[in-house]
């Protein structure tokens, strides 16, 4: 696992937890959920983007290594 995948998984799980916690606060009619839920969505989105970025980097690296092998 590379660092982008680990950070993505961490942000993804944190975003899910924050959104879930915000949902619980919303059911309890606590107004702090208005801050926590958007934060959870933003963290979830950043985590998803980092995971996708790590996969694109992996594919790009494989293509570069393949081109180098073909040249040799």
Protein backbone atom coordinates (compact mmCIF):
# COMPACT_ATOMS: atom_id res chain seq x y z
CA UNK A 1 0.00 0.00 0.00
CA UNK A 2 1.30 3.40 -0.88
CA UNK A 3 0.88 6.55 1.16
CA UNK A 4 -1.95 7.91 -0.99
CA UNK A 5 -4.02 4.77 -0.56
CA UNK A 6 -3.50 4.77 3.20
CA UNK A 7 -4.40 8.45 3.50
CA UNK A 8 -7.42 7.90 1.28
CA UNK A 9 -8.70 5.02 3.39
CA UNK A 10 -8.13 7.05 6.55
CA UNK A 11 -9.99 10.08 5.18
CA UNK A 12 -12.76 7.91 3.77
CA UNK A 13 -13.37 6.19 7.11
CA UNK A 14 -13.15 9.50 8.99
CA UNK A 15 -15.68 11.04 6.61
CA UNK A 16 -18.07 8.14 7.06
CA UNK A 17 -17.72 8.36 10.85
CA UNK A 18 -18.26 12.14 10.84
CA UNK A 19 -21.34 11.86 8.64
CA UNK A 20 -22.75 9.10 10.81
CA UNK A 21 -22.05 11.13 13.95
CA UNK A 22 -23.67 14.18 12.36
CA UNK A 23 -26.73 12.11 11.53
CA UNK A 24 -27.00 10.99 15.17
CA UNK A 25 -26.65 14.60 16.33
CA UNK A 26 -29.33 15.67 13.86
CA UNK A 27 -31.75 13.10 15.29
CA UNK A 28 -31.02 14.43 18.79
CA UNK A 29 -31.74 17.97 17.52
CA UNK A 30 -28.26 19.25 18.31
CA UNK A 31 -27.32 22.14 16.00
CA UNK A 32 -23.63 21.22 15.79
CA UNK A 33 -24.54 18.66 13.12
CA UNK A 34 -24.65 21.54 10.61
CA UNK A 35 -20.87 21.77 10.90
CA UNK A 36 -20.02 18.09 11.24
CA UNK A 37 -22.05 16.72 8.31
CA UNK A 38 -20.48 18.93 5.60
CA UNK A 39 -17.07 18.21 7.10
CA UNK A 40 -17.81 14.49 6.82
CA UNK A 41 -18.84 14.84 3.19
CA UNK A 42 -15.70 16.82 2.36
CA UNK A 43 -13.47 14.26 4.10
CA UNK A 44 -15.25 11.41 2.33
CA UNK A 45 -14.75 13.12 -1.03
CA UNK A 46 -11.09 13.79 -0.39
CA UNK A 47 -10.58 10.18 0.65
CA UNK A 48 -12.28 8.92 -2.49
CA UNK A 49 -10.16 11.19 -4.67
CA UNK A 50 -6.95 10.05 -2.97
CA UNK A 51 -7.86 6.40 -3.48
CA UNK A 52 -8.57 7.03 -7.16
CA UNK A 53 -5.30 8.98 -7.46
CA UNK A 54 -3.34 6.08 -5.99
CA UNK A 55 -4.87 3.70 -8.56
CA UNK A 56 -4.06 6.08 -11.43
CA UNK A 57 -0.48 6.39 -10.18
CA UNK A 58 -0.17 2.62 -10.07
CA UNK A 59 -1.42 2.26 -13.65
CA UNK A 60 0.86 5.05 -14.87
CA UNK A 61 3.87 3.51 -13.15
CA UNK A 62 3.17 0.14 -14.75
CA UNK A 63 2.92 1.78 -18.18
CA UNK A 64 6.23 3.61 -17.70
CA UNK A 65 7.98 0.43 -16.58
CA UNK A 66 6.54 -1.47 -19.53
CA UNK A 67 7.79 1.16 -21.98
CA UNK A 68 11.25 0.99 -20.42
CA UNK A 69 11.30 -2.81 -20.79
CA UNK A 70 10.26 -2.53 -24.44
CA UNK A 71 13.09 -0.08 -25.14
CA UNK A 72 15.69 -2.44 -23.67
